Amino acid sequence: MTSFNSLVIFLHVLVLFAFNSVTAKAWWGTVTFYDNWWHDDSGGTYTYQIGDSQQCINLSCYQNRITSAKWDDLVNWGAYDGKARIAFYTERNCAGKAHDWPATGVGKKDFPGNFFLDGIDNKITSFMIWQFSDQVKYTSLPCPWDFKCCLK
């Protein structure tokens, strides 16, 4: 009977270990939008904190004023060659023309420094982290569409 109890305990520990190794780890990152090229903050910035992929964030307060962007501490792994991606859209609710970059951005070349080169300068209206797909799970509206936020 003690060997059976030991086996049951061992199996419980094994299952818990396996479950913990396959579940997603929590992450919390930031995406900073710039009103100037090459991440120059003299024209103002807007920073959004995000902790979930497949969430479409509508940039209602800052839409059509974004010229470059940087991000930090976003989820790294995903379905795109083992990595997650960040996508910027020209329409509300993550629709329209989209451009995407690796979410792991670590070097200057990994961040879009001039959206003019991509044809979306001052046209970005929403963004999303693609971890599992490019499908929207839910949307977020930080402030009303007719409100223009002040820049930091």
N, C-alpha and C. Protein backbone atom coordinates (compact mmCIF):
# COMPACT_ATOMS: atom_id res chain seq x y z
N MET A 1 0.82 -1.20 0.00
CA MET A 1 0.00 0.00 0.00
C MET A 1 0.86 1.26 0.00
N THR A 2 1.98 1.27 0.73
CA THR A 2 2.84 2.46 0.74
C THR A 2 3.47 2.70 -0.63
N SER A 3 3.79 1.65 -1.37
CA SER A 3 4.34 1.86 -2.70
C SER A 3 3.27 2.45 -3.63
N PHE A 4 2.01 2.06 -3.44
CA PHE A 4 0.92 2.62 -4.23
C PHE A 4 0.74 4.10 -3.91
N ASN A 5 0.76 4.46 -2.62
CA ASN A 5 0.65 5.86 -2.21
C ASN A 5 1.83 6.68 -2.75
N SER A 6 3.00 6.11 -2.70
CA SER A 6 4.18 6.80 -3.24
C SER A 6 4.04 7.02 -4.74
N LEU A 7 3.51 6.02 -5.43
CA LEU A 7 3.29 6.14 -6.87
C LEU A 7 2.26 7.23 -7.18
N VAL A 8 1.18 7.28 -6.41
CA VAL A 8 0.15 8.29 -6.61
C VAL A 8 0.72 9.69 -6.37
N ILE A 9 1.49 9.86 -5.32
CA ILE A 9 2.11 11.15 -5.03
C ILE A 9 3.07 11.54 -6.14
N PHE A 10 3.87 10.58 -6.58
CA PHE A 10 4.81 10.84 -7.67
C PHE A 10 4.08 11.28 -8.94
N LEU A 11 2.98 10.60 -9.27
CA LEU A 11 2.21 10.96 -10.46
C LEU A 11 1.59 12.35 -10.33
N HIS A 12 1.11 12.69 -9.13
CA HIS A 12 0.56 14.03 -8.91
C HIS A 12 1.63 15.11 -9.15
N VAL A 13 2.80 14.88 -8.59
CA VAL A 13 3.90 15.83 -8.76
C VAL A 13 4.29 15.93 -10.24
N LEU A 14 4.35 14.80 -10.91
CA LEU A 14 4.68 14.79 -12.33
C LEU A 14 3.66 15.57 -13.15
N VAL A 15 2.38 15.36 -12.87
CA VAL A 15 1.32 16.08 -13.59
C VAL A 15 1.41 17.58 -13.32
N LEU A 16 1.62 17.96 -12.06
CA LEU A 16 1.74 19.38 -11.73
C LEU A 16 2.94 20.02 -12.43
N PHE A 17 4.05 19.30 -12.46
CA PHE A 17 5.24 19.81 -13.15
C PHE A 17 4.98 19.97 -14.64
N ALA A 18 4.37 18.98 -15.24
CA ALA A 18 4.06 19.04 -16.67
C ALA A 18 3.10 20.18 -16.97
N PHE A 19 2.08 20.36 -16.13
CA PHE A 19 1.11 21.43 -16.33
C PHE A 19 1.77 22.80 -16.24
N ASN A 20 2.64 22.98 -15.26
CA ASN A 20 3.32 24.26 -15.09
C ASN A 20 4.27 24.56 -16.24
N SER A 21 4.85 23.54 -16.85
CA SER A 21 5.80 23.79 -17.92
C SER A 21 5.12 24.14 -19.23
N VAL A 22 3.85 23.80 -19.41
CA VAL A 22 3.18 24.11 -20.68
C VAL A 22 2.25 25.32 -20.59
N THR A 23 1.96 25.79 -19.41
CA THR A 23 1.08 26.97 -19.31
C THR A 23 1.87 28.22 -19.65
N ALA A 24 1.19 29.22 -20.14
CA ALA A 24 1.84 30.47 -20.53
C ALA A 24 2.25 31.26 -19.29
N LYS A 25 3.43 31.84 -19.38
CA LYS A 25 3.89 32.69 -18.30
C LYS A 25 3.31 34.09 -18.50
N ALA A 26 3.00 34.73 -17.40
CA ALA A 26 2.45 36.08 -17.46
C ALA A 26 3.51 37.04 -17.95
N TRP A 27 3.08 38.05 -18.67
CA TRP A 27 3.99 39.09 -19.13
C TRP A 27 3.26 40.42 -19.06
N TRP A 28 4.02 41.46 -18.99
CA TRP A 28 3.46 42.81 -18.94
C TRP A 28 4.46 43.72 -19.63
N GLY A 29 4.06 44.33 -20.71
CA GLY A 29 4.98 45.15 -21.46
C GLY A 29 4.42 46.51 -21.80
N THR A 30 5.23 47.29 -22.49
CA THR A 30 4.81 48.62 -22.90
C THR A 30 5.08 48.82 -24.39
N VAL A 31 4.24 49.61 -25.01
CA VAL A 31 4.44 50.05 -26.38
C VAL A 31 4.40 51.58 -26.34
N THR A 32 5.46 52.21 -26.81
CA THR A 32 5.54 53.66 -26.81
C THR A 32 5.47 54.18 -28.24
N PHE A 33 4.57 55.10 -28.45
CA PHE A 33 4.36 55.71 -29.77
C PHE A 33 4.95 57.11 -29.75
N TYR A 34 5.59 57.48 -30.85
CA TYR A 34 6.26 58.78 -30.96
C TYR A 34 5.63 59.60 -32.08
N ASP A 35 5.58 60.91 -31.84
CA ASP A 35 5.06 61.84 -32.83
C ASP A 35 6.14 62.27 -33.82
N ASN A 36 7.37 61.84 -33.61
CA ASN A 36 8.50 62.16 -34.49
C ASN A 36 9.19 60.89 -34.95
N TRP A 37 9.96 61.02 -36.03
CA TRP A 37 10.73 59.89 -36.55
C TRP A 37 11.84 59.50 -35.59
N TRP A 38 12.28 58.26 -35.74
CA TRP A 38 13.44 57.69 -35.05
C TRP A 38 13.34 57.81 -33.53
N HIS A 39 12.15 57.70 -33.02
CA HIS A 39 11.89 57.63 -31.57
C HIS A 39 12.33 58.90 -30.84
N ASP A 40 12.22 60.00 -31.51
CA ASP A 40 12.52 61.31 -30.93
C ASP A 40 11.31 61.75 -30.12
N ASP A 41 11.48 61.88 -28.80
CA ASP A 41 10.34 62.19 -27.94
C ASP A 41 10.05 63.69 -27.81
N SER A 42 10.77 64.55 -28.54
CA SER A 42 10.53 65.99 -28.41
C SER A 42 9.15 66.41 -28.91
N GLY A 43 8.55 65.61 -29.79
CA GLY A 43 7.21 65.93 -30.28
C GLY A 43 6.10 65.34 -29.44
N GLY A 44 6.47 64.52 -28.48
CA GLY A 44 5.51 63.89 -27.60
C GLY A 44 5.44 62.39 -27.79
N THR A 45 5.00 61.70 -26.75
CA THR A 45 4.88 60.24 -26.78
C THR A 45 3.56 59.82 -26.13
N TYR A 46 3.19 58.61 -26.43
CA TYR A 46 2.02 57.98 -25.79
C TYR A 46 2.43 56.55 -25.49
N THR A 47 2.43 56.16 -24.22
CA THR A 47 2.82 54.81 -23.83
C THR A 47 1.60 54.02 -23.38
N TYR A 48 1.48 52.83 -23.91
CA TYR A 48 0.37 51.94 -23.56
C TYR A 48 0.94 50.69 -22.91
N GLN A 49 0.39 50.30 -21.77
CA GLN A 49 0.80 49.07 -21.09
C GLN A 49 -0.14 47.95 -21.51
N ILE A 50 0.45 46.80 -21.83
CA ILE A 50 -0.32 45.68 -22.34
C ILE A 50 0.16 44.38 -21.70
N GLY A 51 -0.77 43.47 -21.44
CA GLY A 51 -0.42 42.20 -20.82
C GLY A 51 -1.15 41.02 -21.43
N ASP A 52 -1.68 41.18 -22.64
CA ASP A 52 -2.42 40.08 -23.27
C ASP A 52 -2.27 40.14 -24.78
N SER A 53 -2.06 38.99 -25.38
CA SER A 53 -1.99 38.93 -26.84
C SER A 53 -3.40 38.78 -27.40
N GLN A 54 -3.52 38.95 -28.70
CA GLN A 54 -4.79 38.84 -29.42
C GLN A 54 -5.78 39.91 -28.99
N GLN A 55 -5.32 40.91 -28.25
CA GLN A 55 -6.17 42.02 -27.82
C GLN A 55 -5.92 43.18 -28.78
N CYS A 56 -6.96 43.65 -29.43
CA CYS A 56 -6.84 44.80 -30.33
C CYS A 56 -7.02 46.08 -29.52
N ILE A 57 -6.01 46.92 -29.55
CA ILE A 57 -6.09 48.19 -28.83
C ILE A 57 -6.33 49.30 -29.85
N ASN A 58 -7.46 49.96 -29.71
CA ASN A 58 -7.79 51.09 -30.57
C ASN A 58 -7.12 52.33 -29.99
N LEU A 59 -6.34 53.00 -30.81
CA LEU A 59 -5.59 54.18 -30.36
C LEU A 59 -6.41 55.44 -30.57
N SER A 60 -7.58 55.44 -30.00
CA SER A 60 -8.52 56.53 -30.19
C SER A 60 -7.96 57.89 -29.77
N CYS A 61 -7.17 57.93 -28.73
CA CYS A 61 -6.63 59.20 -28.24
C CYS A 61 -5.44 59.69 -29.04
N TYR A 62 -4.81 58.81 -29.78
CA TYR A 62 -3.54 59.14 -30.41
C TYR A 62 -3.52 58.76 -31.89
N GLN A 63 -4.67 58.38 -32.42
CA GLN A 63 -4.72 57.91 -33.81
C GLN A 63 -4.24 58.97 -34.79
N ASN A 64 -3.68 58.49 -35.86
CA ASN A 64 -3.21 59.32 -36.98
C ASN A 64 -2.15 60.35 -36.58
N ARG A 65 -1.42 60.08 -35.50
CA ARG A 65 -0.32 60.97 -35.10
C ARG A 65 0.96 60.19 -34.85
N ILE A 66 1.00 58.93 -35.21
CA ILE A 66 2.13 58.06 -34.86
C ILE A 66 3.11 57.99 -36.03
N THR A 67 4.38 58.30 -35.72
CA THR A 67 5.43 58.29 -36.73
C THR A 67 6.47 57.21 -36.48
N SER A 68 6.64 56.79 -35.23
CA SER A 68 7.55 55.69 -34.91
C SER A 68 7.09 55.04 -33.61
N ALA A 69 7.64 53.86 -33.31
CA ALA A 69 7.22 53.13 -32.11
C ALA A 69 8.34 52.24 -31.60
N LYS A 70 8.30 51.99 -30.30
CA LYS A 70 9.21 51.04 -29.63
C LYS A 70 8.40 50.26 -28.62
N TRP A 71 8.90 49.09 -28.22
CA TRP A 71 8.20 48.29 -27.22
C TRP A 71 9.22 47.58 -26.35
N ASP A 72 8.75 47.14 -25.19
CA ASP A 72 9.63 46.49 -24.22
C ASP A 72 8.83 45.47 -23.43
N ASP A 73 9.45 44.34 -23.13
CA ASP A 73 8.90 43.29 -22.26
C ASP A 73 7.62 42.66 -22.80
N LEU A 74 7.44 42.60 -24.11
CA LEU A 74 6.28 41.92 -24.68
C LEU A 74 6.54 40.42 -24.68
N VAL A 75 5.50 39.64 -24.88
CA VAL A 75 5.64 38.19 -24.96
C VAL A 75 6.59 37.87 -26.12
N ASN A 76 7.49 36.91 -25.90
CA ASN A 76 8.48 36.57 -26.92
C ASN A 76 8.08 35.41 -27.81
N TRP A 77 7.48 34.39 -27.25
CA TRP A 77 7.20 33.18 -28.04
C TRP A 77 5.83 33.26 -28.69
N GLY A 78 5.71 32.62 -29.83
CA GLY A 78 4.44 32.64 -30.53
C GLY A 78 4.44 31.70 -31.72
N ALA A 79 3.42 31.78 -32.52
CA ALA A 79 3.19 30.86 -33.63
C ALA A 79 3.91 31.27 -34.91
N TYR A 80 4.64 32.35 -34.89
CA TYR A 80 5.31 32.85 -36.09
C TYR A 80 6.80 32.53 -36.00
N ASP A 81 7.16 31.36 -36.51
CA ASP A 81 8.54 30.85 -36.40
C ASP A 81 9.01 30.85 -34.94
N GLY A 82 8.10 30.52 -34.03
CA GLY A 82 8.41 30.44 -32.61
C GLY A 82 8.38 31.77 -31.89
N LYS A 83 8.00 32.82 -32.57
CA LYS A 83 8.00 34.15 -31.97
C LYS A 83 6.64 34.83 -32.11
N ALA A 84 6.39 35.79 -31.23
CA ALA A 84 5.20 36.64 -31.33
C ALA A 84 5.55 37.84 -32.20
N ARG A 85 4.53 38.52 -32.70
CA ARG A 85 4.72 39.71 -33.54
C ARG A 85 3.81 40.82 -33.04
N ILE A 86 4.18 42.05 -33.34
CA ILE A 86 3.34 43.20 -33.04
C ILE A 86 2.91 43.80 -34.38
N ALA A 87 1.63 44.05 -34.51
CA ALA A 87 1.09 44.57 -35.78
C ALA A 87 0.40 45.91 -35.55
N PHE A 88 0.60 46.82 -36.48
CA PHE A 88 0.00 48.14 -36.46
C PHE A 88 -0.95 48.25 -37.65
N TYR A 89 -2.17 48.73 -37.39
CA TYR A 89 -3.23 48.77 -38.39
C TYR A 89 -3.63 50.21 -38.71
N THR A 90 -4.16 50.40 -39.91
CA THR A 90 -4.59 51.73 -40.34
C THR A 90 -6.07 51.99 -40.10
N GLU A 91 -6.79 51.00 -39.58
CA GLU A 91 -8.21 51.19 -39.30
C GLU A 91 -8.54 50.71 -37.89
N ARG A 92 -9.71 51.13 -37.41
CA ARG A 92 -10.19 50.71 -36.09
C ARG A 92 -10.36 49.20 -36.03
N ASN A 93 -10.31 48.69 -34.80
CA ASN A 93 -10.58 47.27 -34.52
C ASN A 93 -9.65 46.34 -35.28
N CYS A 94 -8.41 46.79 -35.47
CA CYS A 94 -7.36 45.98 -36.11
C CYS A 94 -7.79 45.48 -37.49
N ALA A 95 -8.25 46.41 -38.29
CA ALA A 95 -8.63 46.12 -39.67
C ALA A 95 -7.80 47.01 -40.59
N GLY A 96 -7.93 46.79 -41.87
CA GLY A 96 -7.21 47.60 -42.84
C GLY A 96 -5.79 47.13 -43.03
N LYS A 97 -4.98 47.99 -43.60
CA LYS A 97 -3.58 47.69 -43.88
C LYS A 97 -2.83 47.48 -42.57
N ALA A 98 -2.02 46.43 -42.51
CA ALA A 98 -1.25 46.14 -41.30
C ALA A 98 0.21 45.88 -41.65
N HIS A 99 1.08 46.33 -40.79
CA HIS A 99 2.50 46.00 -40.87
C HIS A 99 2.88 45.41 -39.52
N ASP A 100 3.74 44.38 -39.55
CA ASP A 100 4.10 43.72 -38.29
C ASP A 100 5.61 43.55 -38.18
N TRP A 101 6.06 43.48 -36.92
CA TRP A 101 7.46 43.31 -36.57
C TRP A 101 7.56 42.26 -35.47
N PRO A 102 8.76 41.65 -35.29
CA PRO A 102 8.94 40.72 -34.16
C PRO A 102 8.71 41.44 -32.84
N ALA A 103 7.99 40.81 -31.94
CA ALA A 103 7.70 41.42 -30.63
C ALA A 103 8.91 41.41 -29.72
N THR A 104 9.96 40.72 -30.12
CA THR A 104 11.16 40.61 -29.29
C THR A 104 12.07 41.81 -29.41
N GLY A 105 11.76 42.76 -30.25
CA GLY A 105 12.59 43.92 -30.53
C GLY A 105 13.64 44.24 -29.49
N VAL A 106 14.91 44.12 -29.87
CA VAL A 106 16.00 44.40 -28.93
C VAL A 106 16.96 45.45 -29.46
N GLY A 107 17.13 45.52 -30.76
CA GLY A 107 18.06 46.48 -31.34
C GLY A 107 17.33 47.57 -32.09
N LYS A 108 18.05 48.63 -32.42
CA LYS A 108 17.44 49.76 -33.10
C LYS A 108 16.75 49.34 -34.40
N LYS A 109 17.32 48.37 -35.12
CA LYS A 109 16.74 47.94 -36.39
C LYS A 109 15.46 47.13 -36.21
N ASP A 110 15.18 46.69 -34.99
CA ASP A 110 13.99 45.88 -34.73
C ASP A 110 12.73 46.71 -34.51
N PHE A 111 12.88 48.01 -34.42
CA PHE A 111 11.74 48.89 -34.16
C PHE A 111 11.48 49.78 -35.38
N PRO A 112 10.23 50.04 -35.70
CA PRO A 112 9.95 50.95 -36.81
C PRO A 112 10.27 52.39 -36.41
N GLY A 113 11.32 52.94 -37.01
CA GLY A 113 11.74 54.29 -36.67
C GLY A 113 11.13 55.36 -37.54
N ASN A 114 10.50 54.94 -38.64
CA ASN A 114 9.90 55.91 -39.55
C ASN A 114 8.79 55.21 -40.32
N PHE A 115 7.56 55.33 -39.84
CA PHE A 115 6.43 54.66 -40.49
C PHE A 115 6.18 55.20 -41.90
N PHE A 116 6.78 56.34 -42.25
CA PHE A 116 6.67 56.85 -43.61
C PHE A 116 7.23 55.83 -44.61
N LEU A 117 8.32 55.17 -44.22
CA LEU A 117 8.95 54.18 -45.09
C LEU A 117 8.05 52.98 -45.34
N ASP A 118 7.09 52.75 -44.46
CA ASP A 118 6.14 51.64 -44.59
C ASP A 118 4.80 52.08 -45.17
N GLY A 119 4.67 53.36 -45.45
CA GLY A 119 3.44 53.88 -46.02
C GLY A 119 2.30 54.05 -45.03
N ILE A 120 2.63 54.04 -43.72
CA ILE A 120 1.57 54.16 -42.71
C ILE A 120 1.84 55.29 -41.71
N ASP A 121 2.71 56.22 -42.07
CA ASP A 121 3.01 57.35 -41.19
C ASP A 121 1.75 58.17 -40.94
N ASN A 122 1.47 58.43 -39.68
CA ASN A 122 0.28 59.19 -39.25
C ASN A 122 -1.02 58.56 -39.71
N LYS A 123 -1.02 57.24 -39.90
CA LYS A 123 -2.24 56.54 -40.31
C LYS A 123 -2.62 55.41 -39.35
N ILE A 124 -1.81 55.18 -38.32
CA ILE A 124 -2.05 54.06 -37.41
C ILE A 124 -3.21 54.38 -36.48
N THR A 125 -4.14 53.45 -36.38
CA THR A 125 -5.34 53.63 -35.57
C THR A 125 -5.50 52.55 -34.52
N SER A 126 -4.85 51.40 -34.70
CA SER A 126 -4.95 50.31 -33.72
C SER A 126 -3.72 49.41 -33.83
N PHE A 127 -3.51 48.58 -32.80
CA PHE A 127 -2.41 47.62 -32.83
C PHE A 127 -2.78 46.38 -32.04
N MET A 128 -2.00 45.31 -32.26
CA MET A 128 -2.27 44.05 -31.56
C MET A 128 -1.00 43.21 -31.53
N ILE A 129 -0.86 42.41 -30.47
CA ILE A 129 0.21 41.43 -30.38
C ILE A 129 -0.31 40.13 -30.96
N TRP A 130 0.34 39.65 -32.01
CA TRP A 130 -0.01 38.36 -32.61
C TRP A 130 0.84 37.30 -31.92
N GLN A 131 0.21 36.49 -31.09
CA GLN A 131 0.95 35.40 -30.46
C GLN A 131 0.55 34.06 -31.08
N PHE A 132 -0.74 33.82 -31.18
CA PHE A 132 -1.23 32.55 -31.70
C PHE A 132 -1.73 32.68 -33.14
N SER A 133 -2.19 33.86 -33.51
CA SER A 133 -2.70 34.12 -34.86
C SER A 133 -2.87 35.62 -35.02
N ASP A 134 -3.43 36.02 -36.16
CA ASP A 134 -3.73 37.44 -36.35
C ASP A 134 -5.21 37.73 -36.10
N GLN A 135 -5.89 36.80 -35.44
CA GLN A 135 -7.32 36.96 -35.13
C GLN A 135 -7.50 37.71 -33.81
N VAL A 136 -8.45 38.63 -33.80
CA VAL A 136 -8.75 39.44 -32.61
C VAL A 136 -9.59 38.63 -31.63
N LYS A 137 -9.14 38.57 -30.37
CA LYS A 137 -9.90 37.92 -29.31
C LYS A 137 -10.89 38.92 -28.70
N TYR A 138 -10.45 40.13 -28.46
CA TYR A 138 -11.32 41.20 -27.96
C TYR A 138 -10.65 42.54 -28.24
N THR A 139 -11.42 43.61 -28.13
CA THR A 139 -10.89 44.94 -28.40
C THR A 139 -10.91 45.80 -27.14
N SER A 140 -10.08 46.82 -27.15
CA SER A 140 -9.98 47.74 -26.03
C SER A 140 -10.03 49.16 -26.58
N LEU A 141 -10.73 50.03 -25.89
CA LEU A 141 -10.84 51.43 -26.27
C LEU A 141 -10.45 52.28 -25.06
N PRO A 142 -9.16 52.70 -24.98
CA PRO A 142 -8.69 53.44 -23.81
C PRO A 142 -9.40 54.76 -23.56
N CYS A 143 -9.88 55.43 -24.60
CA CYS A 143 -10.61 56.69 -24.43
C CYS A 143 -11.52 56.91 -25.63
N PRO A 144 -12.48 57.82 -25.54
CA PRO A 144 -13.44 58.02 -26.64
C PRO A 144 -12.76 58.44 -27.95
N TRP A 145 -13.37 58.09 -29.07
CA TRP A 145 -12.79 58.38 -30.38
C TRP A 145 -12.63 59.87 -30.65
N ASP A 146 -13.48 60.69 -30.13
CA ASP A 146 -13.40 62.12 -30.44
C ASP A 146 -12.49 62.90 -29.48
N PHE A 147 -11.80 62.20 -28.58
CA PHE A 147 -10.93 62.84 -27.60
C PHE A 147 -9.48 62.78 -28.10
N LYS A 148 -8.80 63.91 -28.07
CA LYS A 148 -7.38 63.95 -28.42
C LYS A 148 -6.59 64.11 -27.13
N CYS A 149 -5.78 63.12 -26.83
CA CYS A 149 -5.04 63.20 -25.56
C CYS A 149 -3.85 64.14 -25.70
N CYS A 150 -3.43 64.61 -24.57
CA CYS A 150 -2.23 65.43 -24.55
C CYS A 150 -1.03 64.48 -24.53
N LEU A 151 0.03 64.90 -25.14
CA LEU A 151 1.22 64.07 -25.24
C LEU A 151 2.17 64.38 -24.10
N LYS A 152 2.90 63.38 -23.70
CA LYS A 152 3.89 63.58 -22.64
C LYS A 152 5.20 64.02 -23.23
